[in-house]
C-alpha atoms as a PDB file:
ATOM      1  CA  UNK A   1     -11.170  36.904  47.623  1.00  0.00           C
ATOM      2  CA  UNK A   2     -13.170  33.909  48.578  1.00  0.00           C
ATOM      3  CA  UNK A   3     -11.403  30.715  47.238  1.00  0.00           C
ATOM      4  CA  UNK A   4     -13.216  28.200  44.765  1.00  0.00           C
ATOM      5  CA  UNK A   5     -14.717  24.901  46.013  1.00  0.00           C
ATOM      6  CA  UNK A   6     -12.668  22.629  44.735  1.00  0.00           C
ATOM      7  CA  UNK A   7     -15.187  19.193  45.395  1.00  0.00           C
ATOM      8  CA  UNK A   8     -18.711  19.016  44.959  1.00  0.00           C
ATOM      9  CA  UNK A   9     -20.255  17.202  47.695  1.00  0.00           C
ATOM     10  CA  UNK A  10     -23.852  15.757  47.121  1.00  0.00           C
ATOM     11  CA  UNK A  11     -26.138  14.051  48.738  1.00  0.00           C
ATOM     12  CA  UNK A  12     -29.666  12.534  47.877  1.00  0.00           C
ATOM     13  CA  UNK A  13     -31.331  13.882  51.163  1.00  0.00           C
ATOM     14  CA  UNK A  14     -30.835  15.611  53.701  1.00  0.00           C
ATOM     15  CA  UNK A  15     -31.504  13.019  55.686  1.00  0.00           C
ATOM     16  CA  UNK A  16     -27.744  12.000  54.836  1.00  0.00           C
ATOM     17  CA  UNK A  17     -26.062  15.191  55.825  1.00  0.00           C
ATOM     18  CA  UNK A  18     -25.098  13.715  59.224  1.00  0.00           C
ATOM     19  CA  UNK A  19     -23.142  10.708  57.830  1.00  0.00           C
ATOM     20  CA  UNK A  20     -21.799  13.154  55.327  1.00  0.00           C
ATOM     21  CA  UNK A  21     -21.005  16.004  57.389  1.00  0.00           C
ATOM     22  CA  UNK A  22     -17.750  13.581  57.672  1.00  0.00           C
ATOM     23  CA  UNK A  23     -16.241  14.096  54.627  1.00  0.00           C
ATOM     24  CA  UNK A  24     -16.644  18.394  54.904  1.00  0.00           C
ATOM     25  CA  UNK A  25     -15.034  17.956  58.113  1.00  0.00           C
ATOM     26  CA  UNK A  26     -11.867  15.746  56.692  1.00  0.00           C
ATOM     27  CA  UNK A  27     -11.682  18.031  53.824  1.00  0.00           C
ATOM     28  CA  UNK A  28     -11.204  20.933  56.111  1.00  0.00           C
ATOM     29  CA  UNK A  29      -8.653  19.329  57.887  1.00  0.00           C
ATOM     30  CA  UNK A  30      -6.807  19.797  54.577  1.00  0.00           C
ATOM     31  CA  UNK A  31      -7.859  23.181  53.533  1.00  0.00           C
ATOM     32  CA  UNK A  32      -9.867  22.359  50.406  1.00  0.00           C
ATOM     33  CA  UNK A  33     -13.208  23.950  49.953  1.00  0.00           C
ATOM     34  CA  UNK A  34     -15.943  22.348  48.993  1.00  0.00           C
ATOM     35  CA  UNK A  35     -19.615  23.279  47.958  1.00  0.00           C
ATOM     36  CA  UNK A  36     -22.317  21.124  49.497  1.00  0.00           C
ATOM     37  CA  UNK A  37     -25.980  20.436  47.770  1.00  0.00           C
ATOM     38  CA  UNK A  38     -28.645  18.523  48.250  1.00  0.00           C
ATOM     39  CA  UNK A  39     -29.994  17.234  44.908  1.00  0.00           C
ATOM     40  CA  UNK A  40     -32.162  14.235  43.957  1.00  0.00           C
ATOM     41  CA  UNK A  41     -31.102  11.868  40.982  1.00  0.00           C
ATOM     42  CA  UNK A  42     -35.080  10.786  40.749  1.00  0.00           C
ATOM     43  CA  UNK A  43     -36.946  13.995  42.357  1.00  0.00           C
ATOM     44  CA  UNK A  44     -34.904  16.712  40.914  1.00  0.00           C
ATOM     45  CA  UNK A  45     -32.808  15.027  37.490  1.00  0.00           C
ATOM     46  CA  UNK A  46     -32.982  17.884  35.688  1.00  0.00           C
ATOM     47  CA  UNK A  47     -30.660  19.271  38.692  1.00  0.00           C
ATOM     48  CA  UNK A  48     -29.072  16.735  38.794  1.00  0.00           C
ATOM     49  CA  UNK A  49     -27.333  16.464  35.168  1.00  0.00           C
ATOM     50  CA  UNK A  50     -27.050  20.737  35.229  1.00  0.00           C
ATOM     51  CA  UNK A  51     -24.958  20.739  38.700  1.00  0.00           C
ATOM     52  CA  UNK A  52     -22.887  18.211  37.020  1.00  0.00           C
ATOM     53  CA  UNK A  53     -22.902  18.926  33.635  1.00  0.00           C
ATOM     54  CA  UNK A  54     -21.432  22.764  34.826  1.00  0.00           C
ATOM     55  CA  UNK A  55     -19.399  21.486  37.621  1.00  0.00           C
ATOM     56  CA  UNK A  56     -15.741  21.869  35.715  1.00  0.00           C
ATOM     57  CA  UNK A  57     -16.948  25.523  34.423  1.00  0.00           C
ATOM     58  CA  UNK A  58     -17.186  26.323  38.099  1.00  0.00           C
ATOM     59  CA  UNK A  59     -13.595  24.930  38.859  1.00  0.00           C
ATOM     60  CA  UNK A  60     -14.993  21.326  40.480  1.00  0.00           C
ATOM     61  CA  UNK A  61     -11.884  18.895  39.839  1.00  0.00           C
ATOM     62  CA  UNK A  62     -13.809  16.135  42.234  1.00  0.00           C
ATOM     63  CA  UNK A  63     -17.781  15.184  42.843  1.00  0.00           C
ATOM     64  CA  UNK A  64     -18.554  13.348  46.194  1.00  0.00           C
ATOM     65  CA  UNK A  65     -21.610  12.049  45.848  1.00  0.00           C
ATOM     66  CA  UNK A  66     -23.816  10.287  48.421  1.00  0.00           C
ATOM     67  CA  UNK A  67     -27.336   8.169  48.217  1.00  0.00           C
ATOM     68  CA  UNK A  68     -29.102   5.217  49.958  1.00  0.00           C
ATOM     69  CA  UNK A  69     -31.706   2.894  48.381  1.00  0.00           C
ATOM     70  CA  UNK A  70     -31.481   3.051  44.890  1.00  0.00           C
ATOM     71  CA  UNK A  71     -28.791   4.686  44.949  1.00  0.00           C
ATOM     72  CA  UNK A  72     -28.533   6.774  41.315  1.00  0.00           C
ATOM     73  CA  UNK A  73     -27.141   9.676  42.078  1.00  0.00           C
ATOM     74  CA  UNK A  74     -23.573   9.004  41.601  1.00  0.00           C
ATOM     75  CA  UNK A  75     -24.149   7.272  38.090  1.00  0.00           C
ATOM     76  CA  UNK A  76     -26.342   9.935  37.123  1.00  0.00           C
ATOM     77  CA  UNK A  77     -23.663  12.972  37.959  1.00  0.00           C
ATOM     78  CA  UNK A  78     -21.222  10.395  36.427  1.00  0.00           C
ATOM     79  CA  UNK A  79     -22.580  10.604  33.069  1.00  0.00           C
ATOM     80  CA  UNK A  80     -23.042  14.280  32.766  1.00  0.00           C
ATOM     81  CA  UNK A  81     -19.049  15.254  33.572  1.00  0.00           C
ATOM     82  CA  UNK A  82     -15.672  13.855  32.742  1.00  0.00           C
ATOM     83  CA  UNK A  83     -15.382  14.807  36.375  1.00  0.00           C
ATOM     84  CA  UNK A  84     -14.033  11.661  39.132  1.00  0.00           C
ATOM     85  CA  UNK A  85     -16.807  10.833  40.749  1.00  0.00           C
ATOM     86  CA  UNK A  86     -17.051   9.216  44.210  1.00  0.00           C
ATOM     87  CA  UNK A  87     -19.582   7.525  45.589  1.00  0.00           C
ATOM     88  CA  UNK A  88     -20.534   7.126  49.146  1.00  0.00           C
ATOM     89  CA  UNK A  89     -23.463   4.392  49.499  1.00  0.00           C
ATOM     90  CA  UNK A  90     -25.661   5.068  52.541  1.00  0.00           C
ATOM     91  CA  UNK A  91     -26.864   2.549  55.132  1.00  0.00           C
ATOM     92  CA  UNK A  92     -30.449   2.310  55.517  1.00  0.00           C
ATOM     93  CA  UNK A  93     -33.717   0.737  54.398  1.00  0.00           C
ATOM     94  CA  UNK A  94     -34.859  -2.808  53.911  1.00  0.00           C
ATOM     95  CA  UNK A  95     -31.105  -3.993  52.926  1.00  0.00           C
ATOM     96  CA  UNK A  96     -29.534  -2.153  55.366  1.00  0.00           C
ATOM     97  CA  UNK A  97     -27.865  -0.362  52.617  1.00  0.00           C
ATOM     98  CA  UNK A  98     -26.522  -3.096  50.167  1.00  0.00           C
ATOM     99  CA  UNK A  99     -28.663  -1.742  47.565  1.00  0.00           C
ATOM    100  CA  UNK A 100     -26.971   1.422  47.586  1.00  0.00           C
ATOM    101  CA  UNK A 101     -23.539  -0.129  47.803  1.00  0.00           C
ATOM    102  CA  UNK A 102     -24.340  -2.179  44.871  1.00  0.00           C
ATOM    103  CA  UNK A 103     -26.056   0.481  42.588  1.00  0.00           C
ATOM    104  CA  UNK A 104     -23.383   2.352  43.493  1.00  0.00           C
ATOM    105  CA  UNK A 105     -20.499  -0.295  42.386  1.00  0.00           C
ATOM    106  CA  UNK A 106     -22.374  -1.315  39.728  1.00  0.00           C
ATOM    107  CA  UNK A 107     -21.835   1.166  36.690  1.00  0.00           C
ATOM    108  CA  UNK A 108     -21.990   0.261  32.752  1.00  0.00           C
ATOM    109  CA  UNK A 109     -18.372   0.767  31.030  1.00  0.00           C
ATOM    110  CA  UNK A 110     -17.359   4.156  30.670  1.00  0.00           C
ATOM    111  CA  UNK A 111     -19.304   5.545  33.367  1.00  0.00           C
ATOM    112  CA  UNK A 112     -17.228   4.925  36.600  1.00  0.00           C
ATOM    113  CA  UNK A 113     -17.851   5.692  40.132  1.00  0.00           C
ATOM    114  CA  UNK A 114     -15.683   5.047  42.219  1.00  0.00           C
ATOM    115  CA  UNK A 115     -17.260   3.642  45.299  1.00  0.00           C
ATOM    116  CA  UNK A 116     -16.182   4.024  49.221  1.00  0.00           C
ATOM    117  CA  UNK A 117     -17.534   1.433  52.010  1.00  0.00           C
ATOM    118  CA  UNK A 118     -20.568   1.568  53.929  1.00  0.00           C
ATOM    119  CA  UNK A 119     -20.897   3.361  57.339  1.00  0.00           C
ATOM    120  CA  UNK A 120     -18.473   5.884  59.158  1.00  0.00           C
ATOM    121  CA  UNK A 121     -15.464   5.339  57.221  1.00  0.00           C
ATOM    122  CA  UNK A 122     -17.199   5.685  53.667  1.00  0.00           C
ATOM    123  CA  UNK A 123     -17.371   9.659  54.121  1.00  0.00           C
ATOM    124  CA  UNK A 124     -13.815  10.163  55.422  1.00  0.00           C
ATOM    125  CA  UNK A 125     -12.693   8.074  52.476  1.00  0.00           C
ATOM    126  CA  UNK A 126     -14.053   9.739  49.696  1.00  0.00           C
ATOM    127  CA  UNK A 127     -12.945  12.788  51.277  1.00  0.00           C
ATOM    128  CA  UNK A 128      -9.243  11.500  51.281  1.00  0.00           C
ATOM    129  CA  UNK A 129      -9.916  10.072  48.196  1.00  0.00           C
ATOM    130  CA  UNK A 130     -10.869  13.445  46.495  1.00  0.00           C
ATOM    131  CA  UNK A 131      -7.436  15.175  48.145  1.00  0.00           C
ATOM    132  CA  UNK A 132      -5.241  12.499  47.238  1.00  0.00           C
ATOM    133  CA  UNK A 133      -6.960  13.595  43.223  1.00  0.00           C
ATOM    134  CA  UNK A 134      -5.939  16.920  43.911  1.00  0.00           C
ATOM    135  CA  UNK A 135      -2.448  16.639  45.493  1.00  0.00           C
ATOM    136  CA  UNK A 136      -1.498  15.579  42.087  1.00  0.00           C
ATOM    137  CA  UNK A 137      -1.317  18.998  41.012  1.00  0.00           C
ATOM    138  CA  UNK A 138      -0.294  20.347  44.349  1.00  0.00           C
ATOM    139  CA  UNK A 139       2.468  19.776  46.347  1.00  0.00           C
ATOM    140  CA  UNK A 140       1.714  21.091  49.345  1.00  0.00           C
ATOM    141  CA  UNK A 141      -1.497  18.994  49.475  1.00  0.00           C
ATOM    142  CA  UNK A 142       0.948  16.308  48.724  1.00  0.00           C
ATOM    143  CA  UNK A 143       2.535  16.900  51.596  1.00  0.00           C
ATOM    144  CA  UNK A 144       0.011  17.259  53.947  1.00  0.00           C
ATOM    145  CA  UNK A 145      -1.311  13.835  52.914  1.00  0.00           C
ATOM    146  CA  UNK A 146       1.807  12.686  53.770  1.00  0.00           C
ATOM    147  CA  UNK A 147       1.755  13.784  57.227  1.00  0.00           C
ATOM    148  CA  UNK A 148      -1.865  12.269  57.420  1.00  0.00           C
ATOM    149  CA  UNK A 149      -0.591   8.969  56.517  1.00  0.00           C
ATOM    150  CA  UNK A 150       1.841   9.652  59.011  1.00  0.00           C
ATOM    151  CA  UNK A 151       0.026  10.138  62.020  1.00  0.00           C
ATOM    152  CA  UNK A 152      -2.110   7.443  60.813  1.00  0.00           C
ATOM    153  CA  UNK A 153       1.413   5.239  61.543  1.00  0.00           C
ATOM    154  CA  UNK A 154       1.474   6.886  64.779  1.00  0.00           C
ATOM    155  CA  UNK A 155      -2.068   6.116  66.263  1.00  0.00           C
ATOM    156  CA  UNK A 156      -1.550   1.951  65.257  1.00  0.00           C
ATOM    157  CA  UNK A 157       1.910   2.529  67.244  1.00  0.00           C
ATOM    158  CA  UNK A 158       0.642   4.189  69.810  1.00  0.00           C
ATOM    159  CA  UNK A 159      -2.294   1.316  69.787  1.00  0.00           C
ATOM    160  CA  UNK A 160      -0.239  -1.745  70.043  1.00  0.00           C
ATOM    161  CA  UNK A 161       2.018  -0.305  72.835  1.00  0.00           C
ATOM    162  CA  UNK A 162      -1.465   0.244  74.500  1.00  0.00           C
ATOM    163  CA  UNK A 163      -1.940  -3.245  74.167  1.00  0.00           C
ATOM    164  CA  UNK A 164       1.090  -4.820  74.833  1.00  0.00           C
ATOM    165  CA  UNK A 165       1.285  -2.787  77.975  1.00  0.00           C
ATOM    166  CA  UNK A 166      -2.639  -4.263  78.924  1.00  0.00           C
ATOM    167  CA  UNK A 167      -1.105  -7.787  78.241  1.00  0.00           C
ATOM    168  CA  UNK A 168       1.702  -7.755  80.431  1.00  0.00           C
ATOM    169  CA  UNK A 169      -0.360  -5.914  83.581  1.00  0.00           C
END
Protein backbone atom coordinates (compact mmCIF):
# COMPACT_ATOMS: atom_id res chain seq x y z
CA UNK A 1 0.00 0.00 0.00
CA UNK A 2 1.55 3.33 -1.04
CA UNK A 3 2.39 5.85 1.66
CA UNK A 4 0.46 9.13 1.47
CA UNK A 5 2.53 12.28 1.03
CA UNK A 6 2.88 14.43 4.16
CA UNK A 7 4.58 17.39 2.47
CA UNK A 8 3.44 19.19 -0.65
CA UNK A 9 6.07 21.03 -2.64
CA UNK A 10 4.67 23.56 -5.08
CA UNK A 11 6.76 25.63 -7.45
CA UNK A 12 5.56 28.46 -9.64
CA UNK A 13 7.48 27.28 -12.70
CA UNK A 14 9.33 24.19 -13.85
CA UNK A 15 12.41 26.43 -14.14
CA UNK A 16 12.49 26.29 -10.31
CA UNK A 17 12.90 22.49 -10.35
CA UNK A 18 16.75 22.34 -10.34
CA UNK A 19 16.71 24.28 -7.05
CA UNK A 20 13.58 22.71 -5.53
CA UNK A 21 14.85 19.20 -6.24
CA UNK A 22 17.14 19.59 -3.21
CA UNK A 23 14.09 19.78 -0.94
CA UNK A 24 12.78 16.51 -2.37
CA UNK A 25 16.18 14.85 -1.90
CA UNK A 26 16.34 16.06 1.71
CA UNK A 27 12.83 14.80 2.48
CA UNK A 28 13.78 11.46 0.91
CA UNK A 29 16.73 11.19 3.32
CA UNK A 30 14.19 11.28 6.16
CA UNK A 31 11.74 8.94 4.38
CA UNK A 32 9.13 11.69 4.25
CA UNK A 33 6.97 11.33 1.16
CA UNK A 34 6.10 14.45 -0.80
CA UNK A 35 3.75 15.50 -3.57
CA UNK A 36 5.49 17.82 -6.06
CA UNK A 37 3.57 20.14 -8.39
CA UNK A 38 4.02 23.13 -10.68
CA UNK A 39 1.19 25.56 -9.94
CA UNK A 40 1.32 29.27 -10.62
CA UNK A 41 -0.28 31.84 -8.32
CA UNK A 42 -0.77 34.10 -11.35
CA UNK A 43 -1.31 31.76 -14.30
CA UNK A 44 -3.38 29.09 -12.52
CA UNK A 45 -4.80 30.87 -9.46
CA UNK A 46 -7.90 28.67 -9.17
CA UNK A 47 -5.73 25.55 -9.15
CA UNK A 48 -3.46 27.08 -6.47
CA UNK A 49 -6.44 27.90 -4.24
CA UNK A 50 -8.05 24.49 -4.74
CA UNK A 51 -4.77 22.66 -4.12
CA UNK A 52 -4.18 24.47 -0.83
CA UNK A 53 -7.78 24.17 0.34
CA UNK A 54 -7.79 20.39 -0.18
CA UNK A 55 -4.27 19.63 1.02
CA UNK A 56 -5.23 18.70 4.58
CA UNK A 57 -7.89 16.23 3.37
CA UNK A 58 -5.19 14.54 1.28
CA UNK A 59 -3.02 14.02 4.38
CA UNK A 60 -0.60 16.88 3.72
CA UNK A 61 0.84 18.34 6.93
CA UNK A 62 3.15 21.04 5.55
CA UNK A 63 3.29 22.93 2.24
CA UNK A 64 6.54 24.20 0.77
CA UNK A 65 6.13 26.90 -1.90
CA UNK A 66 8.97 28.01 -4.17
CA UNK A 67 8.61 31.08 -6.35
CA UNK A 68 10.69 33.82 -7.90
CA UNK A 69 9.88 37.33 -9.04
CA UNK A 70 6.67 38.57 -7.44
CA UNK A 71 6.65 35.31 -5.42
CA UNK A 72 2.99 35.37 -4.42
CA UNK A 73 2.64 31.58 -4.41
CA UNK A 74 3.36 31.02 -0.70
CA UNK A 75 0.92 33.71 0.33
CA UNK A 76 -1.82 32.50 -1.98
CA UNK A 77 -1.47 28.95 -0.67
CA UNK A 78 -1.34 30.15 2.96
CA UNK A 79 -4.51 32.17 2.43
CA UNK A 80 -6.40 28.99 1.56
CA UNK A 81 -5.23 26.55 4.25
CA UNK A 82 -4.55 26.28 7.95
CA UNK A 83 -1.48 24.14 7.25
CA UNK A 84 1.98 25.62 7.81
CA UNK A 85 3.46 27.06 4.62
CA UNK A 86 7.21 27.43 4.11
CA UNK A 87 8.32 29.76 1.33
CA UNK A 88 11.47 29.35 -0.72
CA UNK A 89 12.30 32.60 -2.53
CA UNK A 90 14.00 31.82 -5.86
CA UNK A 91 16.90 33.93 -7.13
CA UNK A 92 16.67 35.50 -10.54
CA UNK A 93 15.35 38.44 -12.48
CA UNK A 94 16.34 42.08 -12.32
CA UNK A 95 16.60 42.10 -8.51
CA UNK A 96 18.42 38.74 -8.23
CA UNK A 97 15.81 37.31 -5.88
CA UNK A 98 15.39 40.22 -3.48
CA UNK A 99 11.87 40.80 -4.83
CA UNK A 100 11.02 37.13 -4.21
CA UNK A 101 12.54 37.25 -0.73
CA UNK A 102 10.60 40.34 0.31
CA UNK A 103 7.35 39.15 -1.27
CA UNK A 104 7.60 35.86 0.60
CA UNK A 105 8.54 37.50 3.91
CA UNK A 106 6.14 40.43 3.93
CA UNK A 107 2.82 38.75 4.63
CA UNK A 108 -0.17 40.40 6.27
CA UNK A 109 -1.17 39.55 9.82
CA UNK A 110 -2.85 36.16 10.06
CA UNK A 111 -1.35 34.73 6.84
CA UNK A 112 2.14 33.57 7.88
CA UNK A 113 4.63 32.10 5.44
CA UNK A 114 7.80 30.85 7.13
CA UNK A 115 10.59 31.93 4.80
CA UNK A 116 13.98 30.35 4.21
CA UNK A 117 17.05 31.77 2.54
CA UNK A 118 17.77 32.44 -1.10
CA UNK A 119 20.15 30.03 -2.80
CA UNK A 120 20.90 26.34 -2.45
CA UNK A 121 20.44 26.25 1.35
CA UNK A 122 16.82 27.40 1.01
CA UNK A 123 15.27 24.15 -0.23
CA UNK A 124 17.30 22.07 2.24
CA UNK A 125 16.24 24.29 5.13
CA UNK A 126 12.61 24.23 3.98
CA UNK A 127 12.67 20.43 3.96
CA UNK A 128 14.37 20.24 7.37
CA UNK A 129 11.83 22.68 8.82
CA UNK A 130 8.98 20.57 7.41
CA UNK A 131 10.55 17.43 8.92
CA UNK A 132 10.89 19.20 12.30
CA UNK A 133 7.19 20.09 12.21
CA UNK A 134 6.12 16.55 11.34
CA UNK A 135 8.54 15.07 13.90
CA UNK A 136 6.60 16.72 16.72
CA UNK A 137 4.14 13.83 16.43
CA UNK A 138 6.54 11.11 15.22
CA UNK A 139 9.23 9.89 17.66
CA UNK A 140 11.03 7.85 14.96
CA UNK A 141 11.39 10.91 12.78
CA UNK A 142 12.55 12.88 15.80
CA UNK A 143 15.35 10.34 16.31
CA UNK A 144 16.42 10.77 12.68
CA UNK A 145 16.60 14.54 13.22
CA UNK A 146 18.77 14.08 16.30
CA UNK A 147 21.11 11.87 14.27
CA UNK A 148 21.14 14.42 11.44
CA UNK A 149 22.08 17.25 13.83
CA UNK A 150 24.87 15.10 15.28
CA UNK A 151 26.21 14.53 11.76
CA UNK A 152 26.34 18.31 11.26
CA UNK A 153 28.41 18.65 14.44
CA UNK A 154 30.79 15.91 13.26
CA UNK A 155 31.17 17.66 9.91
CA UNK A 156 32.15 20.91 11.64
CA UNK A 157 34.62 19.10 13.91
CA UNK A 158 36.17 17.39 10.89
CA UNK A 159 36.40 20.72 9.08
CA UNK A 160 38.12 22.29 12.06
CA UNK A 161 40.65 19.45 12.28
CA UNK A 162 41.41 19.85 8.57
CA UNK A 163 41.97 23.61 8.92
CA UNK A 164 44.13 23.15 12.02
CA UNK A 165 46.20 20.51 10.25
CA UNK A 166 46.65 22.85 7.28
CA UNK A 167 47.75 25.69 9.58
CA UNK A 168 50.47 23.56 11.17
CA UNK A 169 51.72 22.06 7.90
